Amino acid sequence: MTQKTITRADIAEALYQELGFSHADAFKLIDKTLRYVTEAFGRKEEVKIARFASFIPHAKSQRVGRNPKTGKEYVITPRTVLSFKPSNVLKKALLK
């Protein structure tokens, strides 16, 4: 089974076909939306997109990790990661 990857170009084409945006305007809309969401992540803010999902930043503290092949220990630096929590609408769509 081959799975298709949806790209920015696919989304822009859908905006062009279904809503009548020009290709240039569709790309501007996508880029502005993604920039806005990325900036919110940079501020470590939670992003909720209704009927789709929530993206929640979590701070991870420094810890010691181990290379499973060699057994050598490494310090893993502190970082912020995002967790993805799908909405009930998205969960139902995945069950179809």
Protein backbone atom coordinates (compact mmCIF):
# COMPACT_ATOMS: atom_id res chain seq x y z
CA MET A 1 0.00 0.00 0.00
CA THR A 2 1.43 3.36 -1.03
CA GLN A 3 0.67 6.37 1.09
CA LYS A 4 0.68 9.90 -0.26
CA THR A 5 2.35 12.73 1.60
CA ILE A 6 0.35 15.96 1.56
CA THR A 7 2.59 18.94 0.80
CA ARG A 8 2.21 22.72 0.95
CA ALA A 9 1.66 22.61 -2.82
CA ASP A 10 -1.23 20.15 -2.38
CA ILE A 11 -2.87 22.41 0.21
CA ALA A 12 -2.36 25.46 -2.02
CA GLU A 13 -3.91 23.60 -4.96
CA ALA A 14 -6.94 22.68 -2.80
CA LEU A 15 -7.35 26.33 -1.76
CA TYR A 16 -7.11 27.32 -5.43
CA GLN A 17 -9.63 24.69 -6.59
CA GLU A 18 -12.17 24.89 -3.75
CA LEU A 19 -12.05 28.51 -2.59
CA GLY A 20 -10.83 30.34 -5.68
CA PHE A 21 -7.64 31.77 -4.16
CA SER A 22 -4.86 32.39 -6.64
CA HIS A 23 -1.88 30.08 -6.27
CA ALA A 24 0.24 32.97 -4.97
CA ASP A 25 -2.39 33.97 -2.39
CA ALA A 26 -2.84 30.35 -1.31
CA PHE A 27 0.90 30.00 -0.67
CA LYS A 28 0.94 33.32 1.21
CA LEU A 29 -1.94 32.15 3.40
CA ILE A 30 -0.24 28.84 4.18
CA ASP A 31 3.12 30.49 4.87
CA LYS A 32 1.60 33.13 7.14
CA THR A 33 -0.37 30.50 9.08
CA LEU A 34 2.66 28.27 9.56
CA ARG A 35 4.83 31.26 10.55
CA TYR A 36 2.26 32.34 13.14
CA VAL A 37 2.08 28.83 14.64
CA THR A 38 5.89 28.48 14.61
CA GLU A 39 6.28 31.80 16.43
CA ALA A 40 3.82 30.61 19.08
CA PHE A 41 5.92 27.46 19.54
CA GLY A 42 8.98 29.68 19.90
CA ARG A 43 7.21 31.45 22.77
CA LYS A 44 6.39 27.99 24.21
CA GLU A 45 2.65 28.61 23.85
CA GLU A 46 0.09 25.88 23.37
CA VAL A 47 -1.57 25.89 19.94
CA LYS A 48 -5.13 24.59 19.63
CA ILE A 49 -6.71 24.20 16.22
CA ALA A 50 -10.39 23.49 16.78
CA ARG A 51 -11.67 20.22 15.33
CA PHE A 52 -8.09 19.18 14.51
CA ALA A 53 -5.59 19.00 17.37
CA SER A 54 -3.64 20.66 20.17
CA PHE A 55 0.13 21.03 20.19
CA ILE A 56 1.44 21.31 23.74
CA PRO A 57 5.05 22.27 24.55
CA HIS A 58 6.76 20.35 27.35
CA ALA A 59 10.11 21.22 28.92
CA LYS A 60 12.48 18.26 29.21
CA SER A 61 15.25 18.56 31.77
CA GLN A 62 18.84 17.51 31.32
CA ARG A 63 19.45 13.80 31.77
CA VAL A 64 21.99 11.09 31.13
CA GLY A 65 21.33 8.82 28.17
CA ARG A 66 23.14 5.72 27.01
CA ASN A 67 24.14 4.56 23.53
CA PRO A 68 22.56 1.08 23.34
CA LYS A 69 25.29 -0.24 21.02
CA THR A 70 28.33 0.87 22.99
CA GLY A 71 26.88 1.44 26.45
CA LYS A 72 28.63 4.83 26.57
CA GLU A 73 26.80 7.50 28.55
CA TYR A 74 25.96 10.93 27.13
CA VAL A 75 24.42 14.04 28.63
CA ILE A 76 21.17 14.92 26.86
CA THR A 77 20.69 18.68 27.04
CA PRO A 78 17.45 20.30 28.22
CA ARG A 79 14.97 21.03 25.44
CA THR A 80 11.35 21.72 24.67
CA VAL A 81 9.33 19.11 22.81
CA LEU A 82 5.80 19.22 21.40
CA SER A 83 3.12 16.70 22.14
CA PHE A 84 0.30 16.25 19.65
CA LYS A 85 -3.20 15.63 20.99
CA PRO A 86 -5.77 14.94 18.27
CA SER A 87 -9.30 16.25 18.68
CA ASN A 88 -12.27 13.91 18.92
CA VAL A 89 -13.25 14.91 15.37
CA LEU A 90 -9.83 13.85 14.08
CA LYS A 91 -9.93 10.62 16.08
CA LYS A 92 -13.31 9.74 14.56
CA ALA A 93 -12.03 10.52 11.06
CA LEU A 94 -9.09 8.15 11.59
CA LEU A 95 -11.44 5.31 12.54
CA LYS A 96 -13.28 5.43 9.22
